[in-house]
Amino acid sequence: MGRVFKNKSKDRRESYQISNDTQPILSTLEDNCKEIMEVLSYNDDFSTRSLQFNDGLCRLLYFETLIDTQIVQSKIIEPILEMKSGEVTGTIPIRTIKQVKTFSEVYRLLMNGYCAFLMDNGEIYMILAKSTTVRNPDEPKNEQVIRGNRLGFIENLDVNLNLIRNDIKNNHLTINYFQIGKAVDKRVSIVYLKNLTDKSLINKVKMRLESIDVDTIHSSNDIEQFIEDSSWSPFPQILSTERLDRVAGHLLEGRIAIMVDGSSTALIVPVTFVAFFQNTDDYNLRWNVSTFVRILSLIGFVVTLWLPAFYIAVVSFHYEVIPQQLVFNVKSSLENIPFPPFLEALLMVLILEVLREAAIRLPSPIAQTIGIVGGLVIGTAVVEANLISNTMIIVIAITAIFSFVIPTNDMGNTLRIIGVGFMIMATFFGFLGMVFFTSIVLMHLCKMESFGTPYLLPIEQQHGKGVKDSLLRMPLYLLNRRPSLAKPQALEQEWVSKDWEDDGRK
């Protein structure tokens, strides 16, 4: 069952509500205009224009900063002055015209780039004239690929949905909208294939989105924190991506994409542990190269998680596992170090994280200088000052390099947090502590779910069918069935024909 999210600050939320916003519109132009002006006239960018239509006085209200003035002049004002009478929907050559019944609808649509057309008989029509200034879709900088589609999402929801529609030309592709936020509502959409996606999954996603009760949301990351199954778990349970082809691939496997207006990131549900080690290039390169890269990512996961803890356990408890040729080198590097291995590792990890955060927030030319010069200068200085051993510098550097192999940033952040826990256990209990902490992590992963899907599928399955596109990446002609992880509905005809399956390929 989805959790219910309620904002405990009820009084604070109600203070944001515009007074009388649920009141139905009144019967006269003067009363309606007075009601709206009392609420919104304090804005310097709020404009009003008087017009004559159907032998009566009408008013056009809008925010100058939200609308396209050329659309207002050429497609609203000029047709009204020219025709002078008739139906509003037939006179104004704009497709999106809505007649509203309450002031809440008026305020909400005005804030979304609509003009309010108030007639003398009390009717109010909302006319879309929104100014659209958006950047062109481009390849996401944090998800670059060697081969394949270069299109990525932008901050405009309509443009993003247009990209998906053009990529998946299927009449079963379904888009549902939600309005989330009490003070400032945001438009949220879910995208799925109606004939493929499991109905219980669709209902579960809708229920969790509808249960969100907050003042406002700023991005898809806010949605992720509200609807995930285990908010206290360090492991990500929802996959975030800015790539069109990645979203399209998951939709065709029976999953659901969640998108927020104003955010370029799409959320994919449900996902499993192995999904965070797959990237788009896995399907653009040959299967053997893709398998090698995927295995390399899993090796990076193991090294990032265990290497610093393994080194601490070895030098603290288990010197006997070090080859005899290296014992004296390791021992000599530790002789003059005043700190225990755990403090050495913790200090270097903190320095590495500070350099990483500085590189993210500084301009690119300065960030590169900070990363290279800072790493060299600090690394050389701490070794010469006998604060950190040479071996520890090597261990932390190798760990940092392997962490960059992991395709998704969310999983990389998780490993950096859990890695500290492994180092603490290795400091006090050696290998025994590492094994114990590993067992705890594995039990936690076995217990986790993502929207009803076990987190460790297909690793925990008893058969090997699910491994063809999880730990490994088999040739495309062997991937002749959709993954069962998202429990997709059965189709009348799978995308891979029986002829292709039995054409003699081995």
Protein backbone atom coordinates (compact mmCIF):
# COMPACT_ATOMS: atom_id res chain seq x y z
CA MET A 1 0.00 0.00 0.00
CA GLY A 2 1.19 3.50 -0.73
CA ARG A 3 1.86 5.71 2.23
CA VAL A 4 -0.27 8.80 2.86
CA PHE A 5 1.73 12.01 2.94
CA LYS A 6 0.12 14.85 4.83
CA ASN A 7 1.55 18.28 5.57
CA LYS A 8 1.24 18.74 9.32
CA SER A 9 1.40 22.51 8.98
CA LYS A 10 -2.29 22.91 8.21
CA ASP A 11 -2.54 26.51 9.40
CA ARG A 12 0.47 27.48 7.34
CA ARG A 13 -0.95 25.79 4.25
CA GLU A 14 -4.32 27.48 4.66
CA SER A 15 -2.63 30.87 4.97
CA TYR A 16 -1.45 30.49 1.39
CA GLN A 17 -4.97 30.00 0.07
CA ILE A 18 -6.41 32.97 -1.78
CA SER A 19 -9.53 34.19 -0.02
CA ASN A 20 -12.83 33.19 -1.64
CA ASP A 21 -10.99 31.19 -4.34
CA THR A 22 -13.60 28.43 -4.20
CA GLN A 23 -16.43 30.89 -4.66
CA PRO A 24 -18.44 30.44 -7.88
CA ILE A 25 -18.31 33.24 -10.40
CA LEU A 26 -20.93 35.96 -10.05
CA SER A 27 -23.69 36.99 -12.43
CA THR A 28 -22.41 40.41 -13.57
CA LEU A 29 -19.24 41.72 -15.16
CA GLU A 30 -18.73 44.38 -12.51
CA ASP A 31 -18.93 41.94 -9.61
CA ASN A 32 -16.57 39.43 -11.26
CA CYS A 33 -14.06 42.11 -12.20
CA LYS A 34 -14.16 43.62 -8.71
CA GLU A 35 -13.60 40.21 -7.09
CA ILE A 36 -10.55 39.43 -9.26
CA MET A 37 -9.06 42.93 -8.99
CA GLU A 38 -9.27 42.89 -5.20
CA VAL A 39 -7.12 39.78 -5.14
CA LEU A 40 -4.65 40.48 -7.95
CA SER A 41 -4.55 44.23 -8.59
CA TYR A 42 -1.56 44.74 -6.25
CA ASN A 43 0.66 43.16 -8.96
CA ASP A 44 2.31 45.77 -11.18
CA ASP A 45 2.39 43.32 -14.10
CA PHE A 46 -1.38 42.64 -13.94
CA SER A 47 -3.11 44.34 -16.87
CA THR A 48 -6.72 44.94 -17.92
CA ARG A 49 -8.25 45.95 -21.25
CA SER A 50 -11.83 47.03 -21.97
CA LEU A 51 -13.50 45.81 -25.18
CA GLN A 52 -16.92 45.89 -26.84
CA PHE A 53 -18.39 42.50 -27.81
CA ASN A 54 -21.98 41.36 -28.43
CA ASP A 55 -23.20 44.93 -27.81
CA GLY A 56 -21.80 44.88 -24.28
CA LEU A 57 -18.74 45.82 -22.28
CA CYS A 58 -16.13 43.08 -21.78
CA ARG A 59 -12.82 42.99 -19.90
CA LEU A 60 -9.59 41.17 -20.75
CA LEU A 61 -7.33 40.44 -17.73
CA TYR A 62 -3.83 38.93 -17.83
CA PHE A 63 -0.31 38.98 -16.42
CA GLU A 64 2.06 40.75 -18.84
CA THR A 65 5.02 38.69 -17.68
CA LEU A 66 3.32 35.35 -18.46
CA ILE A 67 1.65 35.92 -21.81
CA ASP A 68 2.82 36.54 -25.39
CA THR A 69 1.71 40.09 -26.22
CA GLN A 70 1.70 39.35 -29.97
CA ILE A 71 -0.77 36.48 -29.45
CA VAL A 72 -3.00 38.69 -27.30
CA GLN A 73 -3.00 41.49 -29.86
CA SER A 74 -3.30 39.50 -33.10
CA LYS A 75 -5.44 36.52 -32.01
CA ILE A 76 -7.62 37.94 -29.23
CA ILE A 77 -8.04 41.71 -29.39
CA GLU A 78 -8.04 42.19 -33.19
CA PRO A 79 -10.60 39.40 -33.93
CA ILE A 80 -12.91 40.77 -31.22
CA LEU A 81 -12.68 44.33 -32.57
CA GLU A 82 -13.26 43.06 -36.11
CA MET A 83 -16.15 40.62 -35.50
CA LYS A 84 -17.85 42.58 -32.66
CA SER A 85 -20.32 39.75 -32.03
CA GLY A 86 -20.66 35.98 -32.07
CA GLU A 87 -19.49 33.02 -30.02
CA VAL A 88 -16.22 33.45 -28.15
CA THR A 89 -14.88 30.07 -29.29
CA GLY A 90 -15.72 30.87 -32.93
CA THR A 91 -14.39 34.42 -32.88
CA ILE A 92 -10.99 33.90 -31.25
CA PRO A 93 -8.72 31.64 -33.37
CA ILE A 94 -7.08 29.93 -30.39
CA ARG A 95 -7.68 26.25 -29.76
CA THR A 96 -7.44 26.27 -25.94
CA ILE A 97 -10.42 28.25 -24.61
CA LYS A 98 -12.13 27.17 -21.39
CA GLN A 99 -15.26 28.47 -19.72
CA VAL A 100 -14.77 28.41 -15.96
CA LYS A 101 -17.25 28.36 -13.09
CA THR A 102 -15.17 29.22 -9.99
CA PHE A 103 -12.62 31.88 -9.08
CA SER A 104 -10.12 29.17 -8.12
CA GLU A 105 -9.98 28.13 -11.77
CA VAL A 106 -9.55 31.76 -12.82
CA TYR A 107 -6.60 32.35 -10.49
CA ARG A 108 -4.93 29.04 -11.33
CA LEU A 109 -5.15 29.54 -15.09
CA LEU A 110 -4.06 33.18 -14.91
CA MET A 111 -0.91 32.00 -13.15
CA ASN A 112 -0.35 29.51 -15.99
CA GLY A 113 -0.33 31.98 -18.88
CA TYR A 114 -4.05 32.32 -19.64
CA CYS A 115 -6.03 35.51 -20.27
CA ALA A 116 -9.39 35.96 -18.54
CA PHE A 117 -12.14 37.24 -20.84
CA LEU A 118 -15.02 38.57 -18.73
CA MET A 119 -18.35 39.12 -20.49
CA ASP A 120 -21.21 41.35 -19.37
CA ASN A 121 -23.53 38.37 -18.79
CA GLY A 122 -21.19 37.02 -16.08
CA GLU A 123 -19.47 34.35 -18.19
CA ILE A 124 -15.67 34.03 -17.91
CA TYR A 125 -13.55 32.41 -20.62
CA MET A 126 -9.89 31.54 -20.09
CA ILE A 127 -7.78 31.86 -23.27
CA LEU A 128 -4.30 30.35 -23.53
CA ALA A 129 -1.72 32.95 -24.60
CA LYS A 130 1.32 31.69 -22.70
CA SER A 131 4.78 32.92 -23.63
CA THR A 132 6.96 29.89 -24.41
CA THR A 133 10.66 30.54 -24.03
CA VAL A 134 12.40 27.17 -23.81
CA ARG A 135 15.78 25.81 -24.71
CA ASN A 136 16.20 23.25 -27.46
CA PRO A 137 16.42 19.56 -26.51
CA ASP A 138 20.06 18.54 -26.29
CA GLU A 139 22.13 15.64 -24.99
CA PRO A 140 22.27 15.57 -21.17
CA LYS A 141 25.75 16.42 -19.94
CA ASN A 142 25.65 13.85 -17.13
CA GLU A 143 24.40 10.96 -19.35
CA GLN A 144 26.51 11.15 -22.49
CA VAL A 145 26.82 8.13 -24.77
CA ILE A 146 29.21 7.02 -27.49
CA ARG A 147 26.55 5.96 -29.98
CA GLY A 148 22.82 6.38 -30.18
CA ASN A 149 20.12 8.99 -29.68
CA ARG A 150 21.36 12.39 -28.49
CA LEU A 151 18.02 13.87 -27.42
CA GLY A 152 17.41 14.74 -23.79
CA PHE A 153 14.55 16.30 -21.88
CA ILE A 154 14.24 19.97 -21.00
CA GLU A 155 12.31 21.94 -18.36
CA ASN A 156 9.10 22.18 -20.43
CA LEU A 157 6.68 19.30 -19.82
CA ASP A 158 4.81 19.73 -23.12
CA VAL A 159 8.06 19.51 -25.11
CA ASN A 160 9.12 16.39 -23.19
CA LEU A 161 5.80 14.65 -23.81
CA ASN A 162 6.03 15.62 -27.48
CA LEU A 163 9.44 13.91 -27.68
CA ILE A 164 8.00 10.72 -26.18
CA ARG A 165 4.97 10.78 -28.50
CA ASN A 166 7.21 11.15 -31.54
CA ASP A 167 9.50 8.34 -30.41
CA ILE A 168 6.76 5.85 -29.41
CA LYS A 169 4.08 6.09 -32.11
CA ASN A 170 1.61 3.76 -30.44
CA ASN A 171 -2.08 4.42 -29.88
CA HIS A 172 -1.85 2.73 -26.47
CA LEU A 173 0.63 5.30 -25.16
CA THR A 174 -1.27 7.00 -22.32
CA ILE A 175 -0.59 10.29 -20.53
CA ASN A 176 -2.39 11.27 -17.31
CA TYR A 177 -2.07 14.66 -15.60
CA PHE A 178 -2.06 15.57 -11.91
CA GLN A 179 -1.99 18.91 -10.11
CA ILE A 180 0.18 18.77 -6.96
CA GLY A 181 0.66 21.62 -4.50
CA LYS A 182 -1.61 23.70 -2.26
CA ALA A 183 0.13 27.09 -2.49
CA VAL A 184 1.70 26.69 -5.95
CA ASP A 185 0.41 23.76 -7.96
CA LYS A 186 2.70 21.92 -10.36
CA ARG A 187 1.60 19.87 -13.33
CA VAL A 188 2.76 16.27 -13.07
CA SER A 189 2.21 13.57 -15.68
CA ILE A 190 2.59 9.81 -15.77
CA VAL A 191 3.31 8.06 -19.08
CA TYR A 192 2.75 4.37 -19.80
CA LEU A 193 1.52 1.90 -22.41
CA LYS A 194 -2.04 1.05 -21.43
CA ASN A 195 -2.08 -2.38 -23.04
CA LEU A 196 1.26 -3.38 -21.51
CA THR A 197 1.67 -1.85 -18.05
CA ASP A 198 0.26 -3.77 -15.11
CA LYS A 199 -3.02 -2.17 -13.95
CA SER A 200 -2.22 -2.60 -10.28
CA LEU A 201 1.04 -0.71 -10.82
CA ILE A 202 -0.83 2.14 -12.56
CA ASN A 203 -3.29 2.39 -9.67
CA LYS A 204 -0.49 2.31 -7.11
CA VAL A 205 1.40 5.15 -8.79
CA LYS A 206 -1.77 7.25 -9.11
CA MET A 207 -2.67 6.67 -5.49
CA ARG A 208 0.75 7.72 -4.22
CA LEU A 209 0.77 10.86 -6.35
CA GLU A 210 -2.73 11.83 -5.26
CA SER A 211 -1.77 11.31 -1.59
CA ILE A 212 0.96 13.98 -1.73
CA ASP A 213 -0.26 16.93 0.32
CA VAL A 214 2.31 19.74 0.38
CA ASP A 215 2.48 23.45 -0.37
CA THR A 216 4.43 22.92 -3.58
CA ILE A 217 7.03 20.76 -5.30
CA HIS A 218 10.05 22.11 -7.12
CA SER A 219 11.29 19.18 -9.19
CA SER A 220 10.92 15.48 -9.84
CA ASN A 221 13.35 14.82 -6.97
CA ASP A 222 10.67 16.03 -4.55
CA ILE A 223 8.21 13.53 -6.06
CA GLU A 224 10.79 10.76 -5.67
CA GLN A 225 11.15 11.38 -1.93
CA PHE A 226 7.39 11.28 -1.41
CA ILE A 227 6.48 8.13 -3.32
CA GLU A 228 9.44 5.77 -2.74
CA ASP A 229 8.79 2.66 -0.66
CA SER A 230 11.60 2.95 1.91
CA SER A 231 12.48 6.57 2.58
CA TRP A 232 15.03 5.61 5.25
CA SER A 233 16.98 3.30 2.96
CA PRO A 234 20.22 4.66 1.47
CA PHE A 235 19.61 2.72 -1.76
CA PRO A 236 17.72 4.48 -4.57
CA GLN A 237 14.41 2.83 -5.48
CA ILE A 238 13.43 5.06 -8.40
CA LEU A 239 15.55 5.54 -11.51
CA SER A 240 16.01 9.14 -12.68
CA THR A 241 17.14 9.98 -16.21
CA GLU A 242 17.14 12.84 -18.70
CA ARG A 243 17.50 10.64 -21.79
CA LEU A 244 14.59 10.11 -24.18
CA ASP A 245 15.77 6.72 -25.43
CA ARG A 246 16.19 5.39 -21.90
CA VAL A 247 12.64 6.38 -20.95
CA ALA A 248 11.27 4.89 -24.17
CA GLY A 249 13.05 1.60 -23.51
CA HIS A 250 11.60 1.31 -20.01
CA LEU A 251 8.09 2.18 -21.21
CA LEU A 252 8.25 -0.65 -23.73
CA GLU A 253 9.11 -3.01 -20.88
CA GLY A 254 5.92 -2.13 -19.00
CA ARG A 255 7.21 0.53 -16.61
CA ILE A 256 5.84 4.01 -15.86
CA ALA A 257 7.57 7.36 -16.35
CA ILE A 258 6.74 10.28 -14.04
CA MET A 259 7.51 13.80 -15.29
CA VAL A 260 7.15 17.22 -13.66
CA ASP A 261 6.71 20.55 -15.40
CA GLY A 262 9.85 22.61 -14.80
CA SER A 263 12.15 19.59 -14.38
CA SER A 264 14.23 17.89 -17.06
CA THR A 265 14.44 14.62 -15.11
CA ALA A 266 12.03 11.73 -15.62
CA LEU A 267 11.41 9.11 -12.92
CA ILE A 268 11.08 5.42 -13.85
CA VAL A 269 9.15 2.94 -11.67
CA PRO A 270 9.48 0.16 -10.74
CA VAL A 271 13.21 -0.57 -10.89
CA THR A 272 15.56 -3.12 -9.41
CA PHE A 273 19.13 -3.09 -8.14
CA VAL A 274 20.66 -4.09 -11.48
CA ALA A 275 18.90 -1.22 -13.31
CA PHE A 276 21.37 1.23 -11.75
CA PHE A 277 24.26 -0.57 -13.47
CA GLN A 278 22.73 -0.41 -16.96
CA ASN A 279 23.20 2.50 -19.32
CA THR A 280 22.07 3.37 -22.82
CA ASP A 281 25.38 2.39 -24.42
CA ASP A 282 24.76 -1.21 -23.32
CA TYR A 283 22.28 -1.49 -26.21
CA ASN A 284 24.19 0.64 -28.72
CA LEU A 285 27.39 -1.42 -28.57
CA ARG A 286 27.94 -5.09 -29.41
CA TRP A 287 26.78 -7.53 -26.76
CA ASN A 288 30.24 -8.74 -25.71
CA VAL A 289 31.53 -5.19 -25.21
CA SER A 290 28.38 -4.25 -23.31
CA THR A 291 28.70 -7.30 -21.07
CA PHE A 292 32.31 -6.40 -20.29
CA VAL A 293 31.34 -2.82 -19.40
CA ARG A 294 28.46 -4.01 -17.21
CA ILE A 295 30.73 -6.45 -15.34
CA LEU A 296 33.24 -3.61 -14.94
CA SER A 297 30.52 -1.52 -13.30
CA LEU A 298 29.76 -4.32 -10.84
CA ILE A 299 33.48 -4.64 -10.06
CA GLY A 300 33.52 -0.89 -9.43
CA PHE A 301 30.63 -1.37 -6.99
CA VAL A 302 32.54 -4.02 -5.03
CA VAL A 303 35.84 -2.09 -4.99
CA THR A 304 34.20 1.19 -3.96
CA LEU A 305 32.34 -0.53 -1.14
CA TRP A 306 35.02 -2.82 0.28
CA LEU A 307 38.55 -1.72 -0.66
CA PRO A 308 39.13 0.94 2.07
CA ALA A 309 37.53 -1.32 4.70
CA PHE A 310 39.58 -4.29 3.46
CA TYR A 311 42.81 -2.30 3.80
CA ILE A 312 41.89 -1.12 7.32
CA ALA A 313 41.08 -4.69 8.38
CA VAL A 314 44.35 -6.01 6.93
CA VAL A 315 46.68 -3.48 8.59
CA SER A 316 44.73 -3.59 11.87
CA PHE A 317 44.06 -7.33 12.34
CA HIS A 318 45.12 -9.53 9.44
CA TYR A 319 48.71 -8.83 8.43
CA GLU A 320 49.07 -12.51 7.50
CA VAL A 321 47.03 -12.05 4.29
CA ILE A 322 49.58 -9.59 2.86
CA PRO A 323 52.17 -11.23 0.58
CA GLN A 324 55.54 -11.45 2.28
CA GLN A 325 57.18 -9.22 -0.33
CA LEU A 326 54.80 -6.36 0.55
CA VAL A 327 54.73 -6.66 4.34
CA PHE A 328 57.83 -4.53 4.94
CA ASN A 329 56.75 -1.87 2.43
CA VAL A 330 53.34 -1.51 4.08
CA LYS A 331 54.79 -1.58 7.58
CA SER A 332 57.44 1.05 6.78
CA SER A 333 54.81 3.40 5.33
CA LEU A 334 52.84 3.20 8.60
CA GLU A 335 55.73 3.60 11.11
CA ASN A 336 55.68 7.40 11.45
CA ILE A 337 51.93 7.96 10.98
CA PRO A 338 50.34 9.30 14.21
CA PHE A 339 46.77 8.30 13.29
CA PRO A 340 45.13 4.86 13.16
CA PRO A 341 44.15 3.59 9.68
CA PHE A 342 40.48 4.49 10.14
CA LEU A 343 41.24 8.17 10.79
CA GLU A 344 43.61 8.16 7.81
CA ALA A 345 40.92 6.79 5.53
CA LEU A 346 38.23 9.08 6.96
CA LEU A 347 40.42 12.16 6.49
CA MET A 348 41.20 11.27 2.87
CA VAL A 349 37.55 10.48 2.11
CA LEU A 350 36.50 13.87 3.54
CA ILE A 351 39.15 15.67 1.48
CA LEU A 352 38.02 13.81 -1.65
CA GLU A 353 34.37 14.72 -1.02
CA VAL A 354 35.26 18.38 -0.45
CA LEU A 355 37.20 18.47 -3.74
CA ARG A 356 34.28 16.77 -5.51
CA GLU A 357 31.73 19.29 -4.18
CA ALA A 358 34.03 22.21 -4.99
CA ALA A 359 34.46 20.96 -8.56
CA ILE A 360 30.67 20.74 -9.01
CA ARG A 361 29.94 24.27 -7.82
CA LEU A 362 32.82 26.18 -9.38
CA PRO A 363 33.01 27.27 -13.05
CA SER A 364 34.43 24.55 -15.31
CA PRO A 365 37.95 26.00 -15.91
CA ILE A 366 38.44 26.66 -12.18
CA ALA A 367 36.93 23.28 -11.22
CA GLN A 368 39.46 21.40 -13.35
CA THR A 369 42.30 23.34 -11.74
CA ILE A 370 40.97 22.65 -8.25
CA GLY A 371 40.62 18.95 -8.97
CA ILE A 372 44.10 18.45 -10.41
CA VAL A 373 46.19 20.92 -8.41
CA GLY A 374 44.25 20.36 -5.18
CA GLY A 375 44.64 16.59 -5.41
CA LEU A 376 48.36 16.70 -6.23
CA VAL A 377 49.27 19.38 -3.69
CA ILE A 378 47.24 17.97 -0.82
CA GLY A 379 48.27 14.38 -1.55
CA THR A 380 51.98 15.23 -1.69
CA ALA A 381 51.81 17.50 1.37
CA VAL A 382 50.06 15.02 3.69
CA VAL A 383 52.50 12.26 2.75
CA GLU A 384 55.59 14.43 3.30
CA ALA A 385 54.17 15.61 6.63
CA ASN A 386 53.71 11.96 7.71
CA LEU A 387 49.99 12.50 8.27
CA ILE A 388 48.82 9.92 5.74
CA SER A 389 50.66 6.85 4.46
CA ASN A 390 51.52 6.30 0.80
CA THR A 391 49.49 3.10 0.77
CA MET A 392 46.36 4.84 2.04
CA ILE A 393 46.67 7.48 -0.69
CA ILE A 394 46.79 4.69 -3.29
CA VAL A 395 43.81 2.87 -1.77
CA ILE A 396 41.60 5.98 -1.67
CA ALA A 397 42.65 7.02 -5.20
CA ILE A 398 41.80 3.57 -6.60
CA THR A 399 38.46 3.65 -4.76
CA ALA A 400 37.63 7.07 -6.22
CA ILE A 401 38.49 5.96 -9.76
CA PHE A 402 36.36 2.82 -9.53
CA SER A 403 33.42 4.82 -8.16
CA PHE A 404 33.34 6.80 -11.41
CA VAL A 405 32.64 3.59 -13.37
CA ILE A 406 29.17 3.24 -11.81
CA PRO A 407 26.71 4.59 -14.43
CA THR A 408 24.20 6.28 -12.09
CA ASN A 409 25.09 9.04 -9.67
CA ASP A 410 22.41 7.97 -7.16
CA MET A 411 24.03 4.58 -6.61
CA GLY A 412 27.48 6.20 -6.37
CA ASN A 413 26.26 8.47 -3.57
CA THR A 414 24.86 5.44 -1.75
CA LEU A 415 28.17 3.60 -1.91
CA ARG A 416 30.05 6.56 -0.44
CA ILE A 417 27.72 6.56 2.57
CA ILE A 418 27.71 2.79 3.15
CA GLY A 419 31.48 2.61 2.62
CA VAL A 420 32.01 4.57 5.86
CA GLY A 421 29.96 1.96 7.72
CA PHE A 422 32.18 -0.82 6.34
CA MET A 423 35.29 1.10 7.46
CA ILE A 424 33.92 1.45 11.00
CA MET A 425 33.12 -2.27 11.25
CA ALA A 426 36.54 -3.19 9.83
CA THR A 427 38.24 -0.93 12.40
CA PHE A 428 36.69 -2.73 15.38
CA PHE A 429 36.16 -6.29 14.13
CA GLY A 430 38.29 -6.79 11.00
CA PHE A 431 37.03 -9.23 8.39
CA LEU A 432 34.37 -10.49 10.79
CA GLY A 433 32.86 -6.99 10.99
CA MET A 434 32.90 -6.68 7.18
CA VAL A 435 31.10 -10.02 6.78
CA PHE A 436 28.54 -9.08 9.43
CA PHE A 437 27.84 -5.67 7.86
CA THR A 438 27.62 -7.27 4.41
CA SER A 439 24.99 -9.68 5.74
CA ILE A 440 22.97 -6.76 7.13
CA VAL A 441 23.11 -4.94 3.78
CA LEU A 442 22.08 -8.08 1.88
CA MET A 443 19.15 -8.73 4.22
CA HIS A 444 18.06 -5.13 3.76
CA LEU A 445 18.24 -5.47 -0.04
CA CYS A 446 16.30 -8.75 0.04
CA LYS A 447 13.55 -7.08 2.06
CA MET A 448 13.26 -3.98 -0.15
CA GLU A 449 10.66 -3.47 -2.86
CA SER A 450 10.07 -0.88 -5.55
CA PHE A 451 6.31 -0.50 -6.13
CA GLY A 452 5.72 -4.16 -5.36
CA THR A 453 8.75 -5.46 -7.31
CA PRO A 454 11.48 -7.19 -5.23
CA TYR A 455 14.61 -5.05 -5.35
CA LEU A 456 17.02 -7.92 -6.08
CA LEU A 457 15.16 -9.40 -9.04
CA PRO A 458 16.33 -11.23 -11.12
CA ILE A 459 19.38 -12.07 -8.97
CA GLU A 460 17.23 -13.92 -6.44
CA GLN A 461 15.34 -15.91 -9.10
CA GLN A 462 15.87 -19.65 -9.26
CA HIS A 463 16.20 -19.74 -13.05
CA GLY A 464 18.61 -17.94 -15.38
CA LYS A 465 16.16 -16.37 -17.84
CA GLY A 466 16.21 -13.01 -16.09
CA VAL A 467 20.00 -12.84 -16.16
CA LYS A 468 20.10 -12.41 -19.96
CA ASP A 469 19.74 -8.65 -19.59
CA SER A 470 20.74 -7.97 -15.99
CA LEU A 471 24.20 -9.03 -14.88
CA LEU A 472 25.02 -9.84 -18.50
CA ARG A 473 23.82 -8.48 -21.85
CA MET A 474 23.07 -11.22 -24.31
CA PRO A 475 22.67 -10.62 -28.09
CA LEU A 476 19.45 -8.84 -29.03
CA TYR A 477 18.00 -11.86 -30.87
CA LEU A 478 18.11 -13.79 -27.56
CA LEU A 479 16.20 -11.05 -25.75
CA ASN A 480 12.95 -12.32 -27.21
CA ARG A 481 10.71 -11.78 -24.18
CA ARG A 482 9.97 -8.69 -22.19
CA PRO A 483 11.44 -8.68 -18.66
CA SER A 484 8.93 -9.92 -16.07
CA LEU A 485 10.20 -7.52 -13.40
CA ALA A 486 7.46 -4.94 -13.96
CA LYS A 487 4.80 -7.67 -14.49
CA PRO A 488 3.77 -6.46 -17.96
CA GLN A 489 0.48 -7.60 -19.42
CA ALA A 490 0.60 -10.27 -22.11
CA LEU A 491 0.25 -8.94 -25.64
CA GLU A 492 -1.37 -10.73 -28.54
CA GLN A 493 1.90 -10.61 -30.46
CA GLU A 494 5.36 -10.10 -28.99
CA TRP A 495 7.75 -7.78 -30.80
CA VAL A 496 10.07 -10.68 -31.63
CA SER A 497 8.49 -13.20 -33.97
CA LYS A 498 8.78 -16.95 -33.71
CA ASP A 499 10.54 -17.04 -37.08
CA TRP A 500 13.28 -14.80 -35.74
CA GLU A 501 13.60 -16.91 -32.61
CA ASP A 502 14.00 -20.15 -34.58
CA ASP A 503 16.17 -18.96 -37.46
CA GLY A 504 19.14 -21.07 -36.36
CA ARG A 505 21.07 -18.45 -34.41
CA LYS A 506 23.22 -19.81 -31.60
